[in-house]
């Protein structure tokens, strides 16, 4: 399987939860240079919500 971890050259969001009994992990890198990681279901949920609201495609919505 390919490495799906985001990098500055390949920005994005990656979440992993191998089984229901393990904590989720997540990482995000935005093309603006912001990056973050999280461990635990609630922290990963917050990472996804923050990235979705403020980074990634959210940058394309500015100026409208």
N, C-alpha and C. Protein backbone atom coordinates (compact mmCIF):
# COMPACT_ATOMS: atom_id res chain seq x y z
N UNK A 1 0.84 -1.17 0.00
CA UNK A 1 0.00 0.00 0.00
C UNK A 1 0.89 1.24 0.00
N UNK A 2 0.48 2.25 -0.69
CA UNK A 2 1.22 3.51 -0.77
C UNK A 2 1.16 4.25 0.56
N UNK A 3 2.17 5.04 0.83
CA UNK A 3 2.18 5.88 2.02
C UNK A 3 1.24 7.05 1.77
N UNK A 4 0.20 7.15 2.57
CA UNK A 4 -0.81 8.19 2.38
C UNK A 4 -0.62 9.39 3.31
N UNK A 5 0.47 9.41 4.07
CA UNK A 5 0.73 10.52 4.98
C UNK A 5 0.94 11.79 4.19
N UNK A 6 0.21 12.87 4.52
CA UNK A 6 0.38 14.11 3.77
C UNK A 6 1.75 14.74 4.02
N UNK A 7 2.26 15.41 3.02
CA UNK A 7 3.53 16.12 3.09
C UNK A 7 3.34 17.50 2.47
N UNK A 8 4.30 18.41 2.63
CA UNK A 8 4.18 19.71 1.96
C UNK A 8 4.05 19.58 0.44
N UNK A 9 4.66 18.55 -0.12
CA UNK A 9 4.57 18.34 -1.57
C UNK A 9 3.24 17.69 -1.96
N UNK A 10 2.62 16.98 -1.02
CA UNK A 10 1.33 16.33 -1.24
C UNK A 10 0.42 16.64 -0.05
N UNK A 11 -0.08 17.87 0.04
CA UNK A 11 -0.91 18.24 1.18
C UNK A 11 -2.21 17.44 1.22
N UNK A 12 -2.76 17.34 2.40
CA UNK A 12 -4.03 16.64 2.55
C UNK A 12 -4.26 16.22 3.99
N UNK A 13 -5.22 15.35 4.16
CA UNK A 13 -5.65 14.87 5.46
C UNK A 13 -5.64 13.35 5.44
N UNK A 14 -5.07 12.73 6.47
CA UNK A 14 -5.03 11.28 6.56
C UNK A 14 -5.47 10.85 7.95
N UNK A 15 -6.43 9.93 8.01
CA UNK A 15 -6.94 9.39 9.27
C UNK A 15 -6.81 7.88 9.22
N UNK A 16 -6.40 7.29 10.34
CA UNK A 16 -6.24 5.85 10.43
C UNK A 16 -6.88 5.35 11.71
N UNK A 17 -7.68 4.31 11.61
CA UNK A 17 -8.28 3.64 12.77
C UNK A 17 -8.38 2.16 12.40
N UNK A 18 -7.31 1.40 12.70
CA UNK A 18 -7.25 0.02 12.25
C UNK A 18 -8.35 -0.90 12.78
N UNK A 19 -8.84 -0.61 13.97
CA UNK A 19 -9.92 -1.44 14.51
C UNK A 19 -10.75 -0.60 15.47
N UNK A 20 -11.95 -1.03 15.79
CA UNK A 20 -12.81 -0.27 16.70
C UNK A 20 -12.21 -0.08 18.10
N UNK A 21 -11.29 -0.94 18.48
CA UNK A 21 -10.73 -0.88 19.82
C UNK A 21 -9.43 -0.10 19.93
N UNK A 22 -8.93 0.42 18.82
CA UNK A 22 -7.69 1.21 18.85
C UNK A 22 -8.02 2.68 18.65
N UNK A 23 -7.22 3.57 19.23
CA UNK A 23 -7.48 4.99 19.02
C UNK A 23 -7.13 5.41 17.60
N UNK A 24 -7.88 6.35 17.09
CA UNK A 24 -7.61 6.89 15.76
C UNK A 24 -6.35 7.75 15.81
N UNK A 25 -5.68 7.84 14.68
CA UNK A 25 -4.57 8.77 14.51
C UNK A 25 -4.84 9.57 13.25
N UNK A 26 -4.35 10.79 13.21
CA UNK A 26 -4.57 11.62 12.04
C UNK A 26 -3.43 12.60 11.83
N UNK A 27 -3.25 13.00 10.60
CA UNK A 27 -2.28 14.03 10.27
C UNK A 27 -2.83 14.86 9.13
N UNK A 28 -2.45 16.12 9.14
CA UNK A 28 -2.90 17.04 8.10
C UNK A 28 -1.78 17.99 7.75
N UNK A 29 -1.66 18.28 6.46
CA UNK A 29 -0.72 19.28 5.97
C UNK A 29 -1.47 20.09 4.91
N UNK A 30 -1.42 21.39 5.04
CA UNK A 30 -2.09 22.28 4.09
C UNK A 30 -1.06 22.92 3.16
N UNK A 31 -1.49 23.28 1.98
CA UNK A 31 -0.58 23.94 1.04
C UNK A 31 -0.14 25.32 1.55
N UNK A 32 -0.81 25.87 2.59
CA UNK A 32 -0.40 27.15 3.17
C UNK A 32 0.75 26.98 4.15
N UNK A 33 1.12 25.71 4.45
CA UNK A 33 2.23 25.44 5.36
C UNK A 33 1.80 24.94 6.73
N UNK A 34 0.54 25.04 7.08
CA UNK A 34 0.06 24.56 8.37
C UNK A 34 0.08 23.04 8.40
N UNK A 35 0.42 22.48 9.57
CA UNK A 35 0.40 21.03 9.73
C UNK A 35 0.00 20.69 11.16
N UNK A 36 -0.56 19.50 11.34
CA UNK A 36 -0.98 19.06 12.66
C UNK A 36 -1.11 17.55 12.68
N UNK A 37 -0.99 16.98 13.87
CA UNK A 37 -1.23 15.56 14.09
C UNK A 37 -2.12 15.41 15.30
N UNK A 38 -2.78 14.28 15.40
CA UNK A 38 -3.67 14.02 16.54
C UNK A 38 -3.72 12.52 16.80
N UNK A 39 -3.93 12.17 18.06
CA UNK A 39 -4.11 10.79 18.48
C UNK A 39 -5.30 10.72 19.41
N UNK A 40 -6.18 9.78 19.19
CA UNK A 40 -7.40 9.63 19.98
C UNK A 40 -8.59 10.07 19.16
N UNK A 41 -9.69 9.38 19.34
CA UNK A 41 -10.87 9.62 18.51
C UNK A 41 -11.35 11.07 18.55
N UNK A 42 -11.48 11.64 19.72
CA UNK A 42 -12.01 13.01 19.80
C UNK A 42 -11.01 14.03 19.27
N UNK A 43 -9.71 13.81 19.48
CA UNK A 43 -8.71 14.74 18.96
C UNK A 43 -8.64 14.66 17.44
N UNK A 44 -8.76 13.46 16.89
CA UNK A 44 -8.75 13.31 15.43
C UNK A 44 -10.00 13.95 14.83
N UNK A 45 -11.13 13.79 15.49
CA UNK A 45 -12.37 14.43 15.02
C UNK A 45 -12.18 15.95 14.96
N UNK A 46 -11.56 16.52 16.00
CA UNK A 46 -11.30 17.97 16.03
C UNK A 46 -10.32 18.36 14.92
N UNK A 47 -9.31 17.54 14.68
CA UNK A 47 -8.36 17.81 13.60
C UNK A 47 -9.07 17.86 12.25
N UNK A 48 -9.92 16.89 11.99
CA UNK A 48 -10.66 16.84 10.72
C UNK A 48 -11.57 18.06 10.59
N UNK A 49 -12.30 18.40 11.64
CA UNK A 49 -13.21 19.55 11.60
C UNK A 49 -12.43 20.84 11.37
N UNK A 50 -11.30 21.00 12.06
CA UNK A 50 -10.49 22.21 11.89
C UNK A 50 -9.88 22.31 10.50
N UNK A 51 -9.37 21.20 9.99
CA UNK A 51 -8.79 21.19 8.66
C UNK A 51 -9.85 21.51 7.60
N UNK A 52 -11.00 20.89 7.74
CA UNK A 52 -12.09 21.10 6.78
C UNK A 52 -12.57 22.54 6.79
N UNK A 53 -12.66 23.13 7.97
CA UNK A 53 -13.16 24.50 8.09
C UNK A 53 -12.14 25.56 7.69
N UNK A 54 -10.84 25.28 7.88
CA UNK A 54 -9.84 26.34 7.76
C UNK A 54 -8.73 26.09 6.76
N UNK A 55 -8.62 24.89 6.23
CA UNK A 55 -7.50 24.56 5.34
C UNK A 55 -8.01 23.76 4.16
N UNK A 56 -7.08 23.24 3.36
CA UNK A 56 -7.46 22.44 2.20
C UNK A 56 -8.35 23.24 1.27
N UNK A 57 -9.48 22.69 0.93
CA UNK A 57 -10.39 23.37 -0.01
C UNK A 57 -11.01 24.62 0.59
N UNK A 58 -10.95 24.81 1.92
CA UNK A 58 -11.50 26.03 2.53
C UNK A 58 -10.80 27.27 2.02
N UNK A 59 -9.53 27.16 1.65
CA UNK A 59 -8.79 28.31 1.10
C UNK A 59 -9.38 28.76 -0.21
N UNK A 60 -9.97 27.87 -0.96
CA UNK A 60 -10.54 28.22 -2.26
C UNK A 60 -11.86 28.98 -2.11
N UNK A 61 -12.49 28.91 -0.92
CA UNK A 61 -13.75 29.60 -0.72
C UNK A 61 -13.57 31.06 -0.36
N UNK A 62 -12.35 31.48 0.02
CA UNK A 62 -12.12 32.87 0.40
C UNK A 62 -12.22 33.76 -0.83
N UNK A 63 -12.62 34.99 -0.60
CA UNK A 63 -12.72 35.95 -1.67
C UNK A 63 -14.04 35.91 -2.44
N UNK A 64 -14.97 35.09 -2.01
CA UNK A 64 -16.26 35.02 -2.70
C UNK A 64 -17.24 35.97 -2.07
